[in-house]
Amino acid sequence: MYFYCGKDRLDMTIPLAEQLRPTRLEDYIGQEHLVGEGAILNKAIHSGEIPSMILWGPPGVGKTTLAYIISQQLQKPFYTLSAVNSGVKEVREVIALAKKSSDSPFLFIDEIHRFSKSQQDALLGAVEKGIVTFIGATTENPSFEVISPLLSRCQIYILKPLEEKHLLKLLQSGKEYLEKNLNISIQLVETDAILRISGGDARKLLNALELIVSVEQKQGNKILINNTNTLQIIQQNLAMYDKTGDMHYDVISAFIKSIRGSDPNAAVYWLARMVEAGEDPLFIARRMLILASEDIGNANPNALLLANNCFQAVNVIGYPECGLILSQTAIYLACSVKSNASYMAIQNAHNAIRETGDLPVPLPIRNAPTKLMKDIGYHKDYKYAHDFENNFVELEFLPDKISGRKFYNPQKNAREEELRARLKALWKKKYGY
C-alpha cells in the first residue's frame, strides 16, 4: 500500500520516533557528509535539482526522514511504498497518478532490496523519463540487491551509523518532549546502557527511552534513568522495545557472522530464531548464497553450489519443510574452510579502476571483426592458448599501465594453495605467486 502526503505532513503520533521526526533540513541530525553545509545533498536540495537516488545505510540512521525532508523542502508530492507489502500493481498505480501531476513527484520505496527484478523493472521507464524522482532506501548493498539498469539511473548515497554526539542530542530531544507532553521530570543519570543497546539506531534509542518512561512513570512523575533500570526494563520488555522489527537485522547479522566465524552451533541457533519469527526463508537463503562466495569462495567451490541449490529448493518448498534445508546449508557453510580472496580480488580491481580510469585494452586481445580493425593492429600477435603445451602461453592480458598488478591473492587453505602453485608455475615471477 502507499500513501500520499501532498503538501502537508501526516499526523503520526505514535511512536515517539515518529513524533520527533524532523521536517526541516536544519533539524536533521547526523549525516553531515551528505547534508552538512556545502555537502553534496545539501547543495542539491537548495538548488532544487534532485537526482533519483538510493540511500544505503543501517537501520535508524535517517533514510526515510531524509527522503521526506527532501520532498518538503522542494514542496512536491511525496508517494511512499514499502517493498514488504507492495508489488508491481502498486508501483504502476503511483506512476499513473504521477503522470497527472505537473511536477515530478517523489516516489520513496523503503527496503527496495526486497523488491524482485520484475518489480524493480516496473520503475525503470518512469525514472528514466522523469515521471517520478525515485528515492530508494536499503540496508543491503545495492550492488547486490538492485538491478543494474535501475542502479545506473540513481546516485548512491551512503548513510553512516549515528555517533554518540548525535544520539545524545536525540536523547535530549526525546526527554524534553516527553517532559512537556506528559508533565513529568526525567533525569538522565547514566546513558551508557541506553546508547549501547541502541547500536547507533535513532529509532531504537527513542523506543528505549519511551519504554523506560512508560514503565517508570507508574512509580511517579519523577523518573531517573540509569544503566541498571535501563537494562532491566529493556530485557523484560524486549518485544515492546523492538516494536519496529529492527531485531530482524540484528539476528541476520548474528547468523551471518556465526557462519563466517565457523560456529555451526551459533549459526543454527540464530537460524532457529529467524524461523520461529517467520522470517522470509528466501531472504535467509539469499544471504547464505552471498556468503558462500564472499566468505568461502574457491577455498570450497561446493559451498556456492550447495547454497544455490538451497535457494532454489526453498523457493519451491517453503515453510515448514524448507527449515531442514536451511539448517543443512547453514551447518555446511559454517563448517567449511573460509576464504575472502575472491571478494578482495574484485574489490582490488574496482580500486584499480577508480585509480587509473578506463585503460585501453591491449591490441592483441581486442576483438577484430572487420578488415579495418585487423589492419590497424587489433588482434595482432594474439596467441591461442589451446595451441600450446598445457593450454597456456604467456601473453599480456592487462593494460600496460598496470601490467603485473595482482588482484587475486590465494589464501592459505588446501584448494587455494593448489591454485597458487599452478599460477606460480604458469606465470613464474610475474605476479609474485
Protein backbone atom coordinates (compact mmCIF):
# COMPACT_ATOMS: atom_id res chain seq x y z
CA MET A 1 0.00 0.00 0.00
CA TYR A 2 1.06 3.60 -0.44
CA PHE A 3 0.01 6.91 0.99
CA TYR A 4 0.10 10.38 -0.49
CA CYS A 5 1.50 13.15 1.64
CA GLY A 6 0.94 16.09 -0.69
CA LYS A 7 1.98 19.41 0.88
CA ASP A 8 1.06 18.64 4.48
CA ARG A 9 2.63 16.17 6.85
CA LEU A 10 0.53 13.25 8.01
CA ASP A 11 -0.48 13.26 11.67
CA MET A 12 1.53 10.33 13.06
CA THR A 13 1.62 10.48 16.82
CA ILE A 14 2.93 7.04 17.71
CA PRO A 15 5.63 6.01 18.41
CA LEU A 16 7.93 8.66 19.86
CA ALA A 17 10.36 8.37 16.94
CA GLU A 18 7.56 9.47 14.61
CA GLN A 19 6.54 12.34 16.85
CA LEU A 20 10.09 13.67 16.78
CA ARG A 21 10.71 13.09 13.07
CA PRO A 22 12.06 16.42 11.72
CA THR A 23 10.53 18.14 8.68
CA ARG A 24 13.35 20.62 8.01
CA LEU A 25 16.93 20.02 6.96
CA GLU A 26 18.09 22.33 9.76
CA ASP A 27 16.63 19.93 12.34
CA TYR A 28 18.09 16.77 10.79
CA ILE A 29 20.69 15.08 12.99
CA GLY A 30 23.72 13.29 11.58
CA GLN A 31 24.99 12.53 8.05
CA GLU A 32 26.95 15.79 7.87
CA HIS A 33 28.96 14.37 4.96
CA LEU A 34 25.75 14.42 2.90
CA VAL A 35 23.62 17.26 4.27
CA GLY A 36 26.07 19.49 6.13
CA GLU A 37 26.88 22.93 4.81
CA GLY A 38 28.47 22.60 1.38
CA ALA A 39 27.84 18.82 1.22
CA ILE A 40 26.55 17.21 -1.95
CA LEU A 41 22.92 16.62 -0.95
CA ASN A 42 22.67 19.96 0.80
CA LYS A 43 23.66 21.69 -2.44
CA ALA A 44 21.26 19.56 -4.48
CA ILE A 45 18.33 20.29 -2.16
CA HIS A 46 18.92 24.04 -2.16
CA SER A 47 19.39 24.10 -5.94
CA GLY A 48 16.18 22.15 -6.43
CA GLU A 49 17.98 19.67 -8.73
CA ILE A 50 17.40 16.33 -7.03
CA PRO A 51 18.50 13.17 -8.86
CA SER A 52 16.90 9.80 -8.39
CA MET A 53 18.85 8.16 -5.60
CA ILE A 54 19.32 5.18 -3.32
CA LEU A 55 20.03 5.82 0.35
CA TRP A 56 22.11 2.96 1.72
CA GLY A 57 22.75 2.60 5.43
CA PRO A 58 21.94 0.66 8.61
CA PRO A 59 18.51 0.89 10.27
CA GLY A 60 17.54 4.02 12.15
CA VAL A 61 20.06 6.46 10.70
CA GLY A 62 17.56 8.73 8.94
CA LYS A 63 16.97 7.34 5.44
CA THR A 64 13.17 7.75 5.48
CA THR A 65 13.40 11.08 7.28
CA LEU A 66 15.89 12.44 4.75
CA ALA A 67 13.65 11.40 1.85
CA TYR A 68 10.67 13.13 3.45
CA ILE A 69 12.64 16.31 4.21
CA ILE A 70 13.73 16.49 0.58
CA SER A 71 10.11 16.38 -0.57
CA GLN A 72 9.12 19.04 1.97
CA GLN A 73 11.99 21.36 1.04
CA LEU A 74 11.01 21.17 -2.62
CA GLN A 75 7.25 21.27 -1.94
CA LYS A 76 6.49 18.33 -4.20
CA PRO A 77 4.02 15.46 -3.80
CA PHE A 78 5.52 12.51 -1.97
CA TYR A 79 4.38 8.94 -2.55
CA THR A 80 5.59 6.11 -0.35
CA LEU A 81 5.66 2.38 -0.96
CA SER A 82 7.04 -0.35 1.26
CA ALA A 83 8.69 -3.21 -0.59
CA VAL A 84 7.43 -5.55 2.14
CA ASN A 85 3.77 -5.26 1.17
CA SER A 86 3.76 -3.64 -2.30
CA GLY A 87 4.13 -5.06 -5.77
CA VAL A 88 4.07 -4.14 -9.47
CA LYS A 89 0.39 -3.19 -9.24
CA GLU A 90 1.06 -0.55 -6.56
CA VAL A 91 4.08 0.78 -8.46
CA ARG A 92 2.00 1.24 -11.60
CA GLU A 93 -0.78 2.93 -9.65
CA VAL A 94 1.65 5.51 -8.28
CA ILE A 95 3.18 6.08 -11.71
CA ALA A 96 -0.30 6.61 -13.18
CA LEU A 97 -1.01 9.24 -10.51
CA ALA A 98 2.38 10.85 -11.07
CA LYS A 99 1.68 11.26 -14.78
CA LYS A 100 -1.25 13.52 -13.90
CA SER A 101 0.97 15.80 -11.81
CA SER A 102 2.55 18.94 -13.22
CA ASP A 103 5.64 18.32 -11.07
CA SER A 104 7.80 15.23 -10.98
CA PRO A 105 6.59 13.74 -7.67
CA PHE A 106 8.87 11.85 -5.34
CA LEU A 107 8.38 8.10 -5.09
CA PHE A 108 10.01 6.71 -1.97
CA ILE A 109 10.37 2.94 -1.67
CA ASP A 110 11.56 1.61 1.66
CA GLU A 111 13.54 -1.66 1.72
CA ILE A 112 14.00 -1.58 -2.06
CA HIS A 113 16.23 -4.65 -1.74
CA ARG A 114 13.08 -6.69 -1.08
CA PHE A 115 11.65 -5.83 -4.49
CA SER A 116 12.01 -8.58 -7.08
CA LYS A 117 13.60 -7.98 -10.50
CA SER A 118 10.19 -7.61 -12.17
CA GLN A 119 9.07 -5.13 -9.51
CA GLN A 120 12.23 -3.08 -9.96
CA ASP A 121 11.83 -3.28 -13.75
CA ALA A 122 8.42 -1.64 -13.41
CA LEU A 123 10.14 1.53 -12.12
CA LEU A 124 12.64 1.97 -14.93
CA GLY A 125 10.53 3.78 -17.52
CA ALA A 126 9.11 6.29 -15.06
CA VAL A 127 12.52 7.03 -13.56
CA GLU A 128 14.20 7.36 -16.96
CA LYS A 129 11.51 9.72 -18.32
CA GLY A 130 11.43 11.81 -15.17
CA ILE A 131 7.80 10.98 -14.40
CA VAL A 132 8.91 10.39 -10.81
CA THR A 133 12.04 11.24 -8.87
CA PHE A 134 12.84 7.92 -7.25
CA ILE A 135 14.29 7.61 -3.75
CA GLY A 136 15.01 4.10 -2.52
CA ALA A 137 16.16 3.12 0.95
CA THR A 138 18.05 -0.05 1.73
CA THR A 139 20.11 -1.65 4.47
CA GLU A 140 21.68 -4.02 1.94
CA ASN A 141 24.48 -3.38 -0.53
CA PRO A 142 22.64 -2.05 -3.61
CA SER A 143 25.30 -3.55 -5.88
CA PHE A 144 23.93 -6.97 -4.94
CA GLU A 145 20.25 -6.19 -4.38
CA VAL A 146 19.28 -3.59 -7.03
CA ILE A 147 19.18 -4.40 -10.74
CA SER A 148 21.88 -2.76 -12.86
CA PRO A 149 19.56 -0.65 -15.10
CA LEU A 150 17.92 0.95 -12.05
CA LEU A 151 21.26 1.33 -10.28
CA SER A 152 22.71 3.18 -13.28
CA ARG A 153 19.87 5.71 -13.16
CA CYS A 154 20.42 6.55 -9.49
CA GLN A 155 23.01 8.24 -7.34
CA ILE A 156 24.08 6.10 -4.37
CA TYR A 157 24.42 7.92 -1.05
CA ILE A 158 25.84 6.05 1.94
CA LEU A 159 24.47 6.94 5.37
CA LYS A 160 26.69 6.26 8.38
CA PRO A 161 25.73 4.95 11.85
CA LEU A 162 24.92 7.80 14.19
CA GLU A 163 27.72 8.89 16.51
CA GLU A 164 27.43 9.32 20.27
CA LYS A 165 27.01 13.10 19.94
CA HIS A 166 24.04 12.57 17.61
CA LEU A 167 22.43 10.02 19.90
CA LEU A 168 22.83 12.24 22.95
CA LYS A 169 21.20 15.11 21.08
CA LEU A 170 18.28 12.86 20.13
CA LEU A 171 18.02 11.57 23.68
CA GLN A 172 17.81 15.11 25.00
CA SER A 173 15.13 16.00 22.45
CA GLY A 174 13.11 12.94 23.44
CA LYS A 175 13.49 13.74 27.13
CA GLU A 176 12.28 17.33 26.69
CA TYR A 177 9.37 16.26 24.51
CA LEU A 178 8.15 13.65 26.99
CA GLU A 179 8.57 16.01 29.94
CA LYS A 180 6.47 18.65 28.21
CA ASN A 181 3.71 16.37 26.96
CA LEU A 182 3.45 14.04 29.96
CA ASN A 183 4.07 16.68 32.62
CA ILE A 184 6.88 14.65 34.20
CA SER A 185 10.51 15.15 35.21
CA ILE A 186 13.20 12.93 33.65
CA GLN A 187 16.77 12.82 34.92
CA LEU A 188 19.36 11.09 32.74
CA VAL A 189 21.70 9.88 35.47
CA GLU A 190 23.57 7.41 33.22
CA THR A 191 23.31 6.96 29.44
CA ASP A 192 25.93 4.28 28.66
CA ALA A 193 23.42 1.41 28.58
CA ILE A 194 20.74 3.15 26.54
CA LEU A 195 23.32 4.32 23.99
CA ARG A 196 24.87 0.86 23.79
CA ILE A 197 21.65 -1.03 23.17
CA SER A 198 20.59 1.48 20.50
CA GLY A 199 23.55 0.40 18.38
CA GLY A 200 23.63 3.78 16.60
CA ASP A 201 19.96 3.43 15.65
CA ALA A 202 17.88 6.53 16.44
CA ARG A 203 14.60 4.62 16.36
CA LYS A 204 15.84 2.06 18.86
CA LEU A 205 17.15 4.80 21.11
CA LEU A 206 13.80 6.61 21.23
CA ASN A 207 11.89 3.32 21.57
CA ALA A 208 14.03 2.52 24.60
CA LEU A 209 13.50 5.95 26.14
CA GLU A 210 9.75 5.74 25.60
CA LEU A 211 9.56 2.27 27.11
CA ILE A 212 11.62 3.16 30.17
CA VAL A 213 9.50 6.23 30.82
CA SER A 214 6.26 4.29 30.40
CA VAL A 215 7.39 1.69 32.95
CA GLU A 216 8.95 4.10 35.46
CA GLN A 217 6.03 6.53 35.25
CA LYS A 218 3.89 4.01 37.13
CA GLN A 219 6.04 4.76 40.19
CA GLY A 220 5.62 8.53 39.99
CA ASN A 221 6.28 11.61 37.89
CA LYS A 222 9.97 11.92 38.78
CA ILE A 223 11.90 9.47 36.64
CA LEU A 224 15.57 8.57 36.99
CA ILE A 225 17.21 6.75 34.11
CA ASN A 226 20.41 4.85 34.85
CA ASN A 227 22.22 1.84 33.41
CA THR A 228 20.65 -0.64 35.84
CA ASN A 229 16.98 0.16 35.24
CA THR A 230 17.62 0.62 31.51
CA LEU A 231 18.98 -2.90 31.09
CA GLN A 232 16.37 -4.43 33.39
CA ILE A 233 13.40 -2.81 31.67
CA ILE A 234 14.62 -3.45 28.13
CA GLN A 235 15.38 -7.10 28.88
CA GLN A 236 11.97 -7.67 30.44
CA ASN A 237 10.14 -5.92 27.58
CA LEU A 238 12.28 -6.87 24.61
CA ALA A 239 9.37 -7.37 22.19
CA MET A 240 7.93 -3.95 23.00
CA TYR A 241 11.33 -2.30 22.71
CA ASP A 242 11.94 -3.81 19.26
CA LYS A 243 8.44 -2.97 18.03
CA THR A 244 9.66 -1.71 14.66
CA GLY A 245 11.11 -5.12 13.82
CA ASP A 246 14.71 -3.96 13.60
CA MET A 247 15.80 -7.07 15.51
CA HIS A 248 15.44 -8.70 12.09
CA TYR A 249 18.72 -7.03 11.10
CA ASP A 250 20.49 -7.87 14.33
CA VAL A 251 19.62 -11.55 14.11
CA ILE A 252 20.56 -11.96 10.44
CA SER A 253 23.83 -10.18 11.27
CA ALA A 254 24.48 -12.62 14.12
CA PHE A 255 23.61 -15.55 11.82
CA ILE A 256 26.00 -14.47 9.04
CA LYS A 257 28.81 -13.64 11.46
CA SER A 258 28.40 -17.04 13.15
CA ILE A 259 28.77 -18.84 9.82
CA ARG A 260 31.73 -16.65 8.87
CA GLY A 261 33.21 -17.45 12.29
CA SER A 262 32.87 -21.22 11.67
CA ASP A 263 30.47 -21.81 14.58
CA PRO A 264 27.69 -24.18 13.40
CA ASN A 265 26.06 -24.20 16.84
CA ALA A 266 25.56 -20.44 16.93
CA ALA A 267 24.56 -20.44 13.25
CA VAL A 268 21.77 -22.95 13.73
CA TYR A 269 20.59 -21.15 16.89
CA TRP A 270 20.20 -17.83 15.07
CA LEU A 271 18.61 -19.66 12.14
CA ALA A 272 16.04 -21.17 14.51
CA ARG A 273 15.36 -17.70 15.91
CA MET A 274 14.56 -16.45 12.42
CA VAL A 275 12.44 -19.47 11.54
CA GLU A 276 10.45 -19.10 14.78
CA ALA A 277 9.88 -15.41 13.96
CA GLY A 278 8.59 -16.27 10.48
CA GLU A 279 11.50 -14.64 8.61
CA ASP A 280 11.26 -14.87 4.82
CA PRO A 281 13.19 -18.11 4.03
CA LEU A 282 14.31 -16.72 0.67
CA PHE A 283 15.94 -13.82 2.49
CA ILE A 284 17.90 -16.28 4.66
CA ALA A 285 18.84 -18.44 1.66
CA ARG A 286 19.90 -15.41 -0.38
CA ARG A 287 22.21 -14.21 2.39
CA MET A 288 23.82 -17.66 2.59
CA LEU A 289 24.27 -17.63 -1.19
CA ILE A 290 26.17 -14.34 -0.96
CA LEU A 291 28.23 -15.61 1.97
CA ALA A 292 29.21 -18.78 0.10
CA SER A 293 31.05 -16.66 -2.43
CA GLU A 294 32.17 -13.77 -0.22
CA ASP A 295 33.50 -15.76 2.75
CA ILE A 296 34.29 -19.21 1.32
CA GLY A 297 34.83 -18.78 -2.41
CA ASN A 298 37.41 -21.00 -4.06
CA ALA A 299 38.52 -22.48 -0.77
CA ASN A 300 35.49 -24.73 -1.24
CA PRO A 301 33.58 -24.12 -4.51
CA ASN A 302 30.98 -26.71 -3.48
CA ALA A 303 29.70 -24.23 -0.91
CA LEU A 304 28.33 -21.97 -3.63
CA LEU A 305 26.70 -24.93 -5.38
CA LEU A 306 25.02 -26.09 -2.18
CA ALA A 307 23.89 -22.57 -1.27
CA ASN A 308 22.42 -22.09 -4.75
CA ASN A 309 20.61 -25.42 -4.56
CA CYS A 310 19.32 -24.39 -1.14
CA PHE A 311 17.95 -21.14 -2.57
CA GLN A 312 16.20 -22.99 -5.41
CA ALA A 313 14.78 -25.65 -3.08
CA VAL A 314 13.49 -23.09 -0.58
CA ASN A 315 11.83 -21.23 -3.45
CA VAL A 316 9.97 -24.41 -4.40
CA ILE A 317 9.18 -25.88 -0.98
CA GLY A 318 8.68 -23.08 1.53
CA TYR A 319 7.97 -23.48 5.25
CA PRO A 320 7.94 -25.68 7.26
CA GLU A 321 9.88 -28.27 5.24
CA CYS A 322 12.50 -25.82 3.97
CA GLY A 323 13.72 -25.28 7.53
CA LEU A 324 15.69 -28.52 7.33
CA ILE A 325 17.32 -27.45 4.05
CA LEU A 326 18.28 -24.11 5.55
CA SER A 327 19.75 -25.90 8.56
CA GLN A 328 21.80 -28.33 6.45
CA THR A 329 23.21 -25.49 4.36
CA ALA A 330 23.97 -23.24 7.32
CA ILE A 331 25.84 -26.02 9.10
CA TYR A 332 27.80 -26.93 5.95
CA LEU A 333 28.83 -23.33 5.34
CA ALA A 334 29.79 -22.82 8.98
CA CYS A 335 31.96 -25.95 8.95
CA SER A 336 33.61 -25.12 5.63
CA VAL A 337 37.11 -23.70 5.29
CA LYS A 338 36.94 -19.93 4.73
CA SER A 339 38.48 -17.50 2.27
CA ASN A 340 37.53 -14.00 1.19
CA ALA A 341 40.14 -13.94 -1.59
CA SER A 342 37.55 -13.67 -4.38
CA TYR A 343 35.80 -10.82 -2.58
CA MET A 344 39.09 -8.99 -2.07
CA ALA A 345 40.11 -9.61 -5.68
CA ILE A 346 37.10 -7.79 -7.14
CA GLN A 347 37.45 -5.01 -4.55
CA ASN A 348 41.11 -4.60 -5.54
CA ALA A 349 40.11 -4.48 -9.20
CA HIS A 350 37.46 -1.83 -8.52
CA ASN A 351 40.04 0.23 -6.64
CA ALA A 352 42.47 -0.03 -9.55
CA ILE A 353 39.80 1.18 -11.98
CA ARG A 354 38.96 4.15 -9.77
CA GLU A 355 42.68 4.90 -9.50
CA THR A 356 43.64 4.56 -13.19
CA GLY A 357 40.37 5.06 -15.09
CA ASP A 358 39.35 3.14 -18.21
CA LEU A 359 42.71 1.95 -19.53
CA PRO A 360 42.88 0.78 -23.17
CA VAL A 361 42.55 -2.92 -23.95
CA PRO A 362 45.87 -4.33 -25.26
CA LEU A 363 45.75 -4.65 -29.05
CA PRO A 364 46.41 -8.42 -29.22
CA ILE A 365 43.28 -9.24 -27.18
CA ARG A 366 40.93 -6.77 -28.85
CA ASN A 367 38.04 -8.03 -30.96
CA ALA A 368 38.69 -7.68 -34.69
CA PRO A 369 35.51 -8.43 -36.65
CA THR A 370 36.42 -6.18 -39.64
CA LYS A 371 39.41 -5.90 -42.01
CA LEU A 372 40.00 -2.29 -40.95
CA MET A 373 40.38 -3.33 -37.33
CA LYS A 374 42.85 -6.03 -38.31
CA ASP A 375 44.79 -3.55 -40.45
CA ILE A 376 45.29 -1.16 -37.51
CA GLY A 377 46.58 -3.93 -35.27
CA TYR A 378 43.56 -5.31 -33.47
CA HIS A 379 44.10 -9.00 -32.58
CA LYS A 380 47.67 -8.89 -33.96
CA ASP A 381 50.10 -11.22 -32.16
CA TYR A 382 47.29 -12.90 -30.23
CA LYS A 383 48.22 -16.47 -29.30
CA TYR A 384 45.50 -19.09 -28.88
CA ALA A 385 46.24 -20.83 -25.58
CA HIS A 386 44.98 -24.23 -26.75
CA ASP A 387 47.64 -24.35 -29.47
CA PHE A 388 50.36 -24.54 -26.83
CA GLU A 389 51.56 -27.09 -24.30
CA ASN A 390 49.41 -27.29 -21.18
CA ASN A 391 46.92 -24.98 -22.92
CA PHE A 392 48.93 -21.96 -21.80
CA VAL A 393 51.06 -19.31 -23.44
CA GLU A 394 52.42 -16.21 -21.73
CA LEU A 395 50.64 -13.14 -23.04
CA GLU A 396 49.86 -9.71 -21.60
CA PHE A 397 46.18 -9.52 -20.71
CA LEU A 398 46.25 -6.37 -18.57
CA PRO A 399 46.69 -2.79 -19.79
CA ASP A 400 50.38 -1.78 -19.90
CA LYS A 401 49.98 0.73 -17.06
CA ILE A 402 49.01 -1.98 -14.57
CA SER A 403 50.94 -4.90 -16.02
CA GLY A 404 51.85 -7.37 -13.29
CA ARG A 405 49.29 -5.98 -10.81
CA LYS A 406 47.98 -8.84 -8.64
CA PHE A 407 44.29 -8.64 -7.69
CA TYR A 408 43.68 -12.25 -6.67
CA ASN A 409 45.78 -13.48 -3.76
CA PRO A 410 45.01 -17.12 -2.86
CA GLN A 411 44.74 -17.73 0.87
CA LYS A 412 46.31 -20.48 2.92
CA ASN A 413 43.91 -23.40 2.50
CA ALA A 414 44.36 -26.65 0.62
CA ARG A 415 42.40 -25.81 -2.50
CA GLU A 416 43.72 -22.29 -2.95
CA GLU A 417 47.28 -23.41 -2.28
CA GLU A 418 46.81 -25.68 -5.32
CA LEU A 419 45.65 -22.66 -7.30
CA ARG A 420 48.64 -20.65 -6.07
CA ALA A 421 51.06 -23.40 -7.12
CA ARG A 422 49.51 -23.60 -10.59
CA LEU A 423 49.58 -19.84 -11.08
CA LYS A 424 53.20 -19.70 -9.93
CA ALA A 425 54.16 -22.46 -12.35
CA LEU A 426 52.42 -20.69 -15.24
CA TRP A 427 53.37 -17.06 -14.60
CA LYS A 428 56.73 -17.57 -12.84
CA LYS A 429 57.68 -14.28 -11.13
CA LYS A 430 55.26 -12.01 -12.96
CA TYR A 431 52.53 -11.83 -10.31
CA GLY A 432 54.58 -12.86 -7.30
CA TYR A 433 52.67 -16.07 -6.57
